[in-house]
mmCIF file of all heavy atoms, coordinates in Angstrom:
data_MODEL
# 
_entry.id   MODEL 
# 
loop_
_atom_site.group_PDB 
_atom_site.id 
_atom_site.type_symbol 
_atom_site.label_atom_id 
_atom_site.label_alt_id 
_atom_site.label_comp_id 
_atom_site.label_asym_id 
_atom_site.label_entity_id 
_atom_site.label_seq_id 
_atom_site.pdbx_PDB_ins_code 
_atom_site.Cartn_x 
_atom_site.Cartn_y 
_atom_site.Cartn_z 
_atom_site.occupancy 
_atom_site.B_iso_or_equiv 
_atom_site.pdbx_formal_charge 
_atom_site.auth_seq_id 
_atom_site.auth_comp_id 
_atom_site.auth_asym_id 
_atom_site.auth_atom_id 
_atom_site.pdbx_PDB_model_num 
ATOM 1   N N   . GLY A 1 1  ? 0.780   -1.232 0.000   1.00 0.00 ? 1  GLY A N   1 
ATOM 2   C CA  . GLY A 1 1  ? 0.000   0.000  0.000   1.00 0.00 ? 1  GLY A CA  1 
ATOM 3   C C   . GLY A 1 1  ? 0.809   1.278  0.000   1.00 0.00 ? 1  GLY A C   1 
ATOM 4   O O   . GLY A 1 1  ? 0.661   2.135  -0.887  1.00 0.00 ? 1  GLY A O   1 
ATOM 5   N N   . ASP A 1 2  ? 1.685   1.448  0.987   1.00 0.00 ? 2  ASP A N   1 
ATOM 6   C CA  . ASP A 1 2  ? 2.474   2.681  1.111   1.00 0.00 ? 2  ASP A CA  1 
ATOM 7   C C   . ASP A 1 2  ? 3.363   2.903  -0.109  1.00 0.00 ? 2  ASP A C   1 
ATOM 8   O O   . ASP A 1 2  ? 3.335   3.965  -0.731  1.00 0.00 ? 2  ASP A O   1 
ATOM 9   C CB  . ASP A 1 2  ? 3.347   2.628  2.373   1.00 0.00 ? 2  ASP A CB  1 
ATOM 10  C CG  . ASP A 1 2  ? 2.524   2.564  3.642   1.00 0.00 ? 2  ASP A CG  1 
ATOM 11  O OD1 . ASP A 1 2  ? 1.543   3.320  3.743   1.00 0.00 ? 2  ASP A OD1 1 
ATOM 12  O OD2 . ASP A 1 2  ? 2.851   1.759  4.522   1.00 0.00 ? 2  ASP A OD2 1 
ATOM 13  N N   . SER A 1 3  ? 4.153   1.902  -0.434  1.00 0.00 ? 3  SER A N   1 
ATOM 14  C CA  . SER A 1 3  ? 5.087   2.047  -1.553  1.00 0.00 ? 3  SER A CA  1 
ATOM 15  C C   . SER A 1 3  ? 4.350   2.152  -2.880  1.00 0.00 ? 3  SER A C   1 
ATOM 16  O O   . SER A 1 3  ? 4.815   2.824  -3.804  1.00 0.00 ? 3  SER A O   1 
ATOM 17  C CB  . SER A 1 3  ? 6.081   0.877  -1.580  1.00 0.00 ? 3  SER A CB  1 
ATOM 18  O OG  . SER A 1 3  ? 5.397   -0.362 -1.667  1.00 0.00 ? 3  SER A OG  1 
ATOM 19  N N   . LEU A 1 4  ? 3.180   1.512  -2.984  1.00 0.00 ? 4  LEU A N   1 
ATOM 20  C CA  . LEU A 1 4  ? 2.394   1.587  -4.210  1.00 0.00 ? 4  LEU A CA  1 
ATOM 21  C C   . LEU A 1 4  ? 1.911   3.013  -4.465  1.00 0.00 ? 4  LEU A C   1 
ATOM 22  O O   . LEU A 1 4  ? 2.056   3.547  -5.568  1.00 0.00 ? 4  LEU A O   1 
ATOM 23  C CB  . LEU A 1 4  ? 1.195   0.639  -4.117  1.00 0.00 ? 4  LEU A CB  1 
ATOM 24  C CG  . LEU A 1 4  ? 0.261   0.626  -5.332  1.00 0.00 ? 4  LEU A CG  1 
ATOM 25  C CD1 . LEU A 1 4  ? 0.937   -0.042 -6.516  1.00 0.00 ? 4  LEU A CD1 1 
ATOM 26  C CD2 . LEU A 1 4  ? -1.044  -0.097 -4.992  1.00 0.00 ? 4  LEU A CD2 1 
ATOM 27  N N   . LEU A 1 5  ? 1.365   3.644  -3.435  1.00 0.00 ? 5  LEU A N   1 
ATOM 28  C CA  . LEU A 1 5  ? 0.857   5.010  -3.576  1.00 0.00 ? 5  LEU A CA  1 
ATOM 29  C C   . LEU A 1 5  ? 1.994   5.994  -3.821  1.00 0.00 ? 5  LEU A C   1 
ATOM 30  O O   . LEU A 1 5  ? 1.893   6.884  -4.671  1.00 0.00 ? 5  LEU A O   1 
ATOM 31  C CB  . LEU A 1 5  ? 0.085   5.405  -2.313  1.00 0.00 ? 5  LEU A CB  1 
ATOM 32  C CG  . LEU A 1 5  ? -1.223  4.664  -2.071  1.00 0.00 ? 5  LEU A CG  1 
ATOM 33  C CD1 . LEU A 1 5  ? -1.808  5.057  -0.726  1.00 0.00 ? 5  LEU A CD1 1 
ATOM 34  C CD2 . LEU A 1 5  ? -2.221  4.951  -3.183  1.00 0.00 ? 5  LEU A CD2 1 
ATOM 35  N N   . PHE A 1 6  ? 3.066   5.847  -3.061  1.00 0.00 ? 6  PHE A N   1 
ATOM 36  C CA  . PHE A 1 6  ? 4.222   6.737  -3.207  1.00 0.00 ? 6  PHE A CA  1 
ATOM 37  C C   . PHE A 1 6  ? 4.800   6.635  -4.619  1.00 0.00 ? 6  PHE A C   1 
ATOM 38  O O   . PHE A 1 6  ? 5.058   7.651  -5.272  1.00 0.00 ? 6  PHE A O   1 
ATOM 39  C CB  . PHE A 1 6  ? 5.281   6.369  -2.169  1.00 0.00 ? 6  PHE A CB  1 
ATOM 40  C CG  . PHE A 1 6  ? 6.515   7.233  -2.223  1.00 0.00 ? 6  PHE A CG  1 
ATOM 41  C CD1 . PHE A 1 6  ? 6.565   8.440  -1.559  1.00 0.00 ? 6  PHE A CD1 1 
ATOM 42  C CD2 . PHE A 1 6  ? 7.632   6.813  -2.944  1.00 0.00 ? 6  PHE A CD2 1 
ATOM 43  C CE1 . PHE A 1 6  ? 7.706   9.241  -1.608  1.00 0.00 ? 6  PHE A CE1 1 
ATOM 44  C CE2 . PHE A 1 6  ? 8.772   7.595  -3.003  1.00 0.00 ? 6  PHE A CE2 1 
ATOM 45  C CZ  . PHE A 1 6  ? 8.806   8.815  -2.327  1.00 0.00 ? 6  PHE A CZ  1 
ATOM 46  N N   . THR A 1 7  ? 4.978   5.409  -5.090  1.00 0.00 ? 7  THR A N   1 
ATOM 47  C CA  . THR A 1 7  ? 5.561   5.201  -6.417  1.00 0.00 ? 7  THR A CA  1 
ATOM 48  C C   . THR A 1 7  ? 4.616   5.675  -7.517  1.00 0.00 ? 7  THR A C   1 
ATOM 49  O O   . THR A 1 7  ? 5.062   6.209  -8.539  1.00 0.00 ? 7  THR A O   1 
ATOM 50  C CB  . THR A 1 7  ? 5.898   3.715  -6.632  1.00 0.00 ? 7  THR A CB  1 
ATOM 51  O OG1 . THR A 1 7  ? 6.739   3.265  -5.553  1.00 0.00 ? 7  THR A OG1 1 
ATOM 52  C CG2 . THR A 1 7  ? 6.630   3.502  -7.939  1.00 0.00 ? 7  THR A CG2 1 
ATOM 53  N N   . ALA A 1 8  ? 3.315   5.491  -7.319  1.00 0.00 ? 8  ALA A N   1 
ATOM 54  C CA  . ALA A 1 8  ? 2.342   5.974  -8.300  1.00 0.00 ? 8  ALA A CA  1 
ATOM 55  C C   . ALA A 1 8  ? 2.428   7.488  -8.449  1.00 0.00 ? 8  ALA A C   1 
ATOM 56  O O   . ALA A 1 8  ? 2.373   8.018  -9.565  1.00 0.00 ? 8  ALA A O   1 
ATOM 57  C CB  . ALA A 1 8  ? 0.927   5.563  -7.891  1.00 0.00 ? 8  ALA A CB  1 
ATOM 58  N N   . GLY A 1 9  ? 2.573   8.183  -7.322  1.00 0.00 ? 9  GLY A N   1 
ATOM 59  C CA  . GLY A 1 9  ? 2.731   9.635  -7.388  1.00 0.00 ? 9  GLY A CA  1 
ATOM 60  C C   . GLY A 1 9  ? 4.033   10.032 -8.045  1.00 0.00 ? 9  GLY A C   1 
ATOM 61  O O   . GLY A 1 9  ? 4.081   10.983 -8.841  1.00 0.00 ? 9  GLY A O   1 
ATOM 62  N N   . LEU A 1 10 ? 5.079   9.292  -7.751  1.00 0.00 ? 10 LEU A N   1 
ATOM 63  C CA  . LEU A 1 10 ? 6.392   9.599  -8.300  1.00 0.00 ? 10 LEU A CA  1 
ATOM 64  C C   . LEU A 1 10 ? 6.449   9.350  -9.808  1.00 0.00 ? 10 LEU A C   1 
ATOM 65  O O   . LEU A 1 10 ? 7.069   10.101 -10.554 1.00 0.00 ? 10 LEU A O   1 
ATOM 66  C CB  . LEU A 1 10 ? 7.438   8.746  -7.571  1.00 0.00 ? 10 LEU A CB  1 
ATOM 67  C CG  . LEU A 1 10 ? 8.898   9.164  -7.668  1.00 0.00 ? 10 LEU A CG  1 
ATOM 68  C CD1 . LEU A 1 10 ? 9.667   8.728  -6.437  1.00 0.00 ? 10 LEU A CD1 1 
ATOM 69  C CD2 . LEU A 1 10 ? 9.534   8.541  -8.913  1.00 0.00 ? 10 LEU A CD2 1 
ATOM 70  N N   . LEU A 1 11 ? 5.766   8.296  -10.279 1.00 0.00 ? 11 LEU A N   1 
ATOM 71  C CA  . LEU A 1 11 ? 5.820   7.905  -11.696 1.00 0.00 ? 11 LEU A CA  1 
ATOM 72  C C   . LEU A 1 11 ? 4.592   8.368  -12.481 1.00 0.00 ? 11 LEU A C   1 
ATOM 73  O O   . LEU A 1 11 ? 4.345   7.858  -13.582 1.00 0.00 ? 11 LEU A O   1 
ATOM 74  C CB  . LEU A 1 11 ? 5.932   6.377  -11.811 1.00 0.00 ? 11 LEU A CB  1 
ATOM 75  C CG  . LEU A 1 11 ? 7.165   5.711  -11.197 1.00 0.00 ? 11 LEU A CG  1 
ATOM 76  C CD1 . LEU A 1 11 ? 7.082   4.196  -11.369 1.00 0.00 ? 11 LEU A CD1 1 
ATOM 77  C CD2 . LEU A 1 11 ? 8.442   6.244  -11.816 1.00 0.00 ? 11 LEU A CD2 1 
ATOM 78  N N   . HIS A 1 12 ? 3.827   9.308  -11.954 1.00 0.00 ? 12 HIS A N   1 
ATOM 79  C CA  . HIS A 1 12 ? 2.552   9.657  -12.582 1.00 0.00 ? 12 HIS A CA  1 
ATOM 80  C C   . HIS A 1 12 ? 2.711   10.105 -14.043 1.00 0.00 ? 12 HIS A C   1 
ATOM 81  O O   . HIS A 1 12 ? 1.874   9.801  -14.891 1.00 0.00 ? 12 HIS A O   1 
ATOM 82  C CB  . HIS A 1 12 ? 1.836   10.744 -11.767 1.00 0.00 ? 12 HIS A CB  1 
ATOM 83  C CG  . HIS A 1 12 ? 2.464   12.105 -11.851 1.00 0.00 ? 12 HIS A CG  1 
ATOM 84  N ND1 . HIS A 1 12 ? 3.523   12.473 -11.050 1.00 0.00 ? 12 HIS A ND1 1 
ATOM 85  C CD2 . HIS A 1 12 ? 2.182   13.176 -12.640 1.00 0.00 ? 12 HIS A CD2 1 
ATOM 86  C CE1 . HIS A 1 12 ? 3.861   13.725 -11.336 1.00 0.00 ? 12 HIS A CE1 1 
ATOM 87  N NE2 . HIS A 1 12 ? 3.072   14.168 -12.295 1.00 0.00 ? 12 HIS A NE2 1 
ATOM 88  N N   . GLU A 1 13 ? 3.800   10.805 -14.347 1.00 0.00 ? 13 GLU A N   1 
ATOM 89  C CA  . GLU A 1 13 ? 3.999   11.252 -15.727 1.00 0.00 ? 13 GLU A CA  1 
ATOM 90  C C   . GLU A 1 13 ? 4.271   10.074 -16.650 1.00 0.00 ? 13 GLU A C   1 
ATOM 91  O O   . GLU A 1 13 ? 3.720   9.990  -17.757 1.00 0.00 ? 13 GLU A O   1 
ATOM 92  C CB  . GLU A 1 13 ? 5.142   12.260 -15.794 1.00 0.00 ? 13 GLU A CB  1 
ATOM 93  C CG  . GLU A 1 13 ? 4.820   13.592 -15.118 1.00 0.00 ? 13 GLU A CG  1 
ATOM 94  C CD  . GLU A 1 13 ? 5.957   14.593 -15.261 1.00 0.00 ? 13 GLU A CD  1 
ATOM 95  O OE1 . GLU A 1 13 ? 7.053   14.176 -15.704 1.00 0.00 ? 13 GLU A OE1 1 
ATOM 96  O OE2 . GLU A 1 13 ? 5.755   15.772 -14.912 1.00 0.00 ? 13 GLU A OE2 1 
ATOM 97  N N   . ALA A 1 14 ? 5.112   9.162  -16.205 1.00 0.00 ? 14 ALA A N   1 
ATOM 98  C CA  . ALA A 1 14 ? 5.419   7.981  -17.016 1.00 0.00 ? 14 ALA A CA  1 
ATOM 99  C C   . ALA A 1 14 ? 4.183   7.105  -17.216 1.00 0.00 ? 14 ALA A C   1 
ATOM 100 O O   . ALA A 1 14 ? 4.055   6.422  -18.238 1.00 0.00 ? 14 ALA A O   1 
ATOM 101 C CB  . ALA A 1 14 ? 6.534   7.170  -16.363 1.00 0.00 ? 14 ALA A CB  1 
ATOM 102 N N   . LEU A 1 15 ? 3.272   7.132  -16.250 1.00 0.00 ? 15 LEU A N   1 
ATOM 103 C CA  . LEU A 1 15 ? 2.050   6.338  -16.335 1.00 0.00 ? 15 LEU A CA  1 
ATOM 104 C C   . LEU A 1 15 ? 0.965   7.041  -17.136 1.00 0.00 ? 15 LEU A C   1 
ATOM 105 O O   . LEU A 1 15 ? -0.084  6.446  -17.424 1.00 0.00 ? 15 LEU A O   1 
ATOM 106 C CB  . LEU A 1 15 ? 1.525   6.024  -14.924 1.00 0.00 ? 15 LEU A CB  1 
ATOM 107 C CG  . LEU A 1 15 ? 2.429   5.173  -14.026 1.00 0.00 ? 15 LEU A CG  1 
ATOM 108 C CD1 . LEU A 1 15 ? 1.854   5.105  -12.616 1.00 0.00 ? 15 LEU A CD1 1 
ATOM 109 C CD2 . LEU A 1 15 ? 2.609   3.772  -14.602 1.00 0.00 ? 15 LEU A CD2 1 
ATOM 110 N N   . GLY A 1 16 ? 1.206   8.312  -17.459 1.00 0.00 ? 16 GLY A N   1 
ATOM 111 C CA  . GLY A 1 16 ? 0.216   9.082  -18.203 1.00 0.00 ? 16 GLY A CA  1 
ATOM 112 C C   . GLY A 1 16 ? -0.989  9.455  -17.362 1.00 0.00 ? 16 GLY A C   1 
ATOM 113 O O   . GLY A 1 16 ? -2.101  9.582  -17.875 1.00 0.00 ? 16 GLY A O   1 
ATOM 114 N N   . LEU A 1 17 ? -0.777  9.623  -16.058 1.00 0.00 ? 17 LEU A N   1 
ATOM 115 C CA  . LEU A 1 17 ? -1.870  9.930  -15.141 1.00 0.00 ? 17 LEU A CA  1 
ATOM 116 C C   . LEU A 1 17 ? -1.592  11.231 -14.394 1.00 0.00 ? 17 LEU A C   1 
ATOM 117 O O   . LEU A 1 17 ? -0.438  11.534 -14.087 1.00 0.00 ? 17 LEU A O   1 
ATOM 118 C CB  . LEU A 1 17 ? -2.049  8.800  -14.122 1.00 0.00 ? 17 LEU A CB  1 
ATOM 119 C CG  . LEU A 1 17 ? -2.422  7.420  -14.689 1.00 0.00 ? 17 LEU A CG  1 
ATOM 120 C CD1 . LEU A 1 17 ? -2.323  6.372  -13.593 1.00 0.00 ? 17 LEU A CD1 1 
ATOM 121 C CD2 . LEU A 1 17 ? -3.826  7.451  -15.273 1.00 0.00 ? 17 LEU A CD2 1 
ATOM 122 N N   . GLN A 1 18 ? -2.625  11.970 -14.087 1.00 0.00 ? 18 GLN A N   1 
ATOM 123 C CA  . GLN A 1 18 ? -2.482  13.181 -13.291 1.00 0.00 ? 18 GLN A CA  1 
ATOM 124 C C   . GLN A 1 18 ? -2.511  12.826 -11.814 1.00 0.00 ? 18 GLN A C   1 
ATOM 125 O O   . GLN A 1 18 ? -3.210  11.894 -11.398 1.00 0.00 ? 18 GLN A O   1 
ATOM 126 C CB  . GLN A 1 18 ? -3.596  14.173 -13.624 1.00 0.00 ? 18 GLN A CB  1 
ATOM 127 C CG  . GLN A 1 18 ? -3.557  14.689 -15.050 1.00 0.00 ? 18 GLN A CG  1 
ATOM 128 C CD  . GLN A 1 18 ? -4.584  15.775 -15.299 1.00 0.00 ? 18 GLN A CD  1 
ATOM 129 O OE1 . GLN A 1 18 ? -5.044  16.442 -14.376 1.00 0.00 ? 18 GLN A OE1 1 
ATOM 130 N NE2 . GLN A 1 18 ? -4.956  15.954 -16.558 1.00 0.00 ? 18 GLN A NE2 1 
ATOM 131 N N   . VAL A 1 19 ? -1.764  13.583 -11.028 1.00 0.00 ? 19 VAL A N   1 
ATOM 132 C CA  . VAL A 1 19 ? -1.651  13.295 -9.603  1.00 0.00 ? 19 VAL A CA  1 
ATOM 133 C C   . VAL A 1 19 ? -3.013  13.311 -8.921  1.00 0.00 ? 19 VAL A C   1 
ATOM 134 O O   . VAL A 1 19 ? -3.337  12.433 -8.114  1.00 0.00 ? 19 VAL A O   1 
ATOM 135 C CB  . VAL A 1 19 ? -0.696  14.299 -8.917  1.00 0.00 ? 19 VAL A CB  1 
ATOM 136 C CG1 . VAL A 1 19 ? -0.702  14.107 -7.401  1.00 0.00 ? 19 VAL A CG1 1 
ATOM 137 C CG2 . VAL A 1 19 ? 0.723   14.139 -9.448  1.00 0.00 ? 19 VAL A CG2 1 
ATOM 138 N N   . TRP A 1 20 ? -3.833  14.311 -9.240  1.00 0.00 ? 20 TRP A N   1 
ATOM 139 C CA  . TRP A 1 20 ? -5.119  14.426 -8.558  1.00 0.00 ? 20 TRP A CA  1 
ATOM 140 C C   . TRP A 1 20 ? -6.041  13.251 -8.883  1.00 0.00 ? 20 TRP A C   1 
ATOM 141 O O   . TRP A 1 20 ? -6.853  12.841 -8.029  1.00 0.00 ? 20 TRP A O   1 
ATOM 142 C CB  . TRP A 1 20 ? -5.789  15.756 -8.897  1.00 0.00 ? 20 TRP A CB  1 
ATOM 143 C CG  . TRP A 1 20 ? -6.356  15.870 -10.288 1.00 0.00 ? 20 TRP A CG  1 
ATOM 144 C CD1 . TRP A 1 20 ? -5.755  16.374 -11.399 1.00 0.00 ? 20 TRP A CD1 1 
ATOM 145 C CD2 . TRP A 1 20 ? -7.670  15.461 -10.699 1.00 0.00 ? 20 TRP A CD2 1 
ATOM 146 N NE1 . TRP A 1 20 ? -6.593  16.311 -12.481 1.00 0.00 ? 20 TRP A NE1 1 
ATOM 147 C CE2 . TRP A 1 20 ? -7.784  15.761 -12.091 1.00 0.00 ? 20 TRP A CE2 1 
ATOM 148 C CE3 . TRP A 1 20 ? -8.761  14.885 -10.049 1.00 0.00 ? 20 TRP A CE3 1 
ATOM 149 C CZ2 . TRP A 1 20 ? -8.944  15.491 -12.811 1.00 0.00 ? 20 TRP A CZ2 1 
ATOM 150 C CZ3 . TRP A 1 20 ? -9.914  14.610 -10.782 1.00 0.00 ? 20 TRP A CZ3 1 
ATOM 151 C CH2 . TRP A 1 20 ? -9.997  14.920 -12.135 1.00 0.00 ? 20 TRP A CH2 1 
ATOM 152 N N   . VAL A 1 21 ? -5.901  12.693 -10.070 1.00 0.00 ? 21 VAL A N   1 
ATOM 153 C CA  . VAL A 1 21 ? -6.730  11.541 -10.444 1.00 0.00 ? 21 VAL A CA  1 
ATOM 154 C C   . VAL A 1 21 ? -6.323  10.311 -9.626  1.00 0.00 ? 21 VAL A C   1 
ATOM 155 O O   . VAL A 1 21 ? -7.169  9.586  -9.089  1.00 0.00 ? 21 VAL A O   1 
ATOM 156 C CB  . VAL A 1 21 ? -6.609  11.248 -11.952 1.00 0.00 ? 21 VAL A CB  1 
ATOM 157 C CG1 . VAL A 1 21 ? -7.354  9.955  -12.303 1.00 0.00 ? 21 VAL A CG1 1 
ATOM 158 C CG2 . VAL A 1 21 ? -7.157  12.406 -12.768 1.00 0.00 ? 21 VAL A CG2 1 
ATOM 159 N N   . ILE A 1 22 ? -5.013  10.086 -9.519  1.00 0.00 ? 22 ILE A N   1 
ATOM 160 C CA  . ILE A 1 22 ? -4.519  8.959  -8.711  1.00 0.00 ? 22 ILE A CA  1 
ATOM 161 C C   . ILE A 1 22 ? -4.943  9.132  -7.260  1.00 0.00 ? 22 ILE A C   1 
ATOM 162 O O   . ILE A 1 22 ? -5.432  8.197  -6.619  1.00 0.00 ? 22 ILE A O   1 
ATOM 163 C CB  . ILE A 1 22 ? -2.989  8.849  -8.792  1.00 0.00 ? 22 ILE A CB  1 
ATOM 164 C CG1 . ILE A 1 22 ? -2.530  8.645  -10.232 1.00 0.00 ? 22 ILE A CG1 1 
ATOM 165 C CG2 . ILE A 1 22 ? -2.487  7.699  -7.921  1.00 0.00 ? 22 ILE A CG2 1 
ATOM 166 C CD1 . ILE A 1 22 ? -1.016  8.676  -10.406 1.00 0.00 ? 22 ILE A CD1 1 
ATOM 167 N N   . ALA A 1 23 ? -4.752  10.350 -6.731  1.00 0.00 ? 23 ALA A N   1 
ATOM 168 C CA  . ALA A 1 23 ? -5.079  10.627 -5.332  1.00 0.00 ? 23 ALA A CA  1 
ATOM 169 C C   . ALA A 1 23 ? -6.569  10.424 -5.063  1.00 0.00 ? 23 ALA A C   1 
ATOM 170 O O   . ALA A 1 23 ? -6.954  9.836  -4.040  1.00 0.00 ? 23 ALA A O   1 
ATOM 171 C CB  . ALA A 1 23 ? -4.658  12.046 -4.967  1.00 0.00 ? 23 ALA A CB  1 
ATOM 172 N N   . LEU A 1 24 ? -7.405  10.899 -5.957  1.00 0.00 ? 24 LEU A N   1 
ATOM 173 C CA  . LEU A 1 24 ? -8.852  10.770 -5.770  1.00 0.00 ? 24 LEU A CA  1 
ATOM 174 C C   . LEU A 1 24 ? -9.281  9.302  -5.789  1.00 0.00 ? 24 LEU A C   1 
ATOM 175 O O   . LEU A 1 24 ? -10.042 8.852  -4.914  1.00 0.00 ? 24 LEU A O   1 
ATOM 176 C CB  . LEU A 1 24 ? -9.584  11.541 -6.866  1.00 0.00 ? 24 LEU A CB  1 
ATOM 177 C CG  . LEU A 1 24 ? -11.125 11.440 -6.847  1.00 0.00 ? 24 LEU A CG  1 
ATOM 178 C CD1 . LEU A 1 24 ? -11.679 11.997 -5.545  1.00 0.00 ? 24 LEU A CD1 1 
ATOM 179 C CD2 . LEU A 1 24 ? -11.726 12.164 -8.048  1.00 0.00 ? 24 LEU A CD2 1 
ATOM 180 N N   . CYS A 1 25 ? -8.795  8.555  -6.770  1.00 0.00 ? 25 CYS A N   1 
ATOM 181 C CA  . CYS A 1 25 ? -9.160  7.143  -6.863  1.00 0.00 ? 25 CYS A CA  1 
ATOM 182 C C   . CYS A 1 25 ? -8.653  6.353  -5.657  1.00 0.00 ? 25 CYS A C   1 
ATOM 183 O O   . CYS A 1 25 ? -9.355  5.476  -5.135  1.00 0.00 ? 25 CYS A O   1 
ATOM 184 C CB  . CYS A 1 25 ? -8.614  6.544  -8.159  1.00 0.00 ? 25 CYS A CB  1 
ATOM 185 S SG  . CYS A 1 25 ? -9.433  7.142  -9.653  1.00 0.00 ? 25 CYS A SG  1 
ATOM 186 N N   . ALA A 1 26 ? -7.435  6.665  -5.217  1.00 0.00 ? 26 ALA A N   1 
ATOM 187 C CA  . ALA A 1 26 ? -6.868  5.982  -4.053  1.00 0.00 ? 26 ALA A CA  1 
ATOM 188 C C   . ALA A 1 26 ? -7.673  6.303  -2.796  1.00 0.00 ? 26 ALA A C   1 
ATOM 189 O O   . ALA A 1 26 ? -7.919  5.432  -1.954  1.00 0.00 ? 26 ALA A O   1 
ATOM 190 C CB  . ALA A 1 26 ? -5.406  6.385  -3.870  1.00 0.00 ? 26 ALA A CB  1 
# 
């Protein structure tokens, strides 16, 4: 959980996702 969320935020550009979208879904 912790590392997944942290890494998702860190790699958001490479994943083609906006930070607020990841944060909201999480």
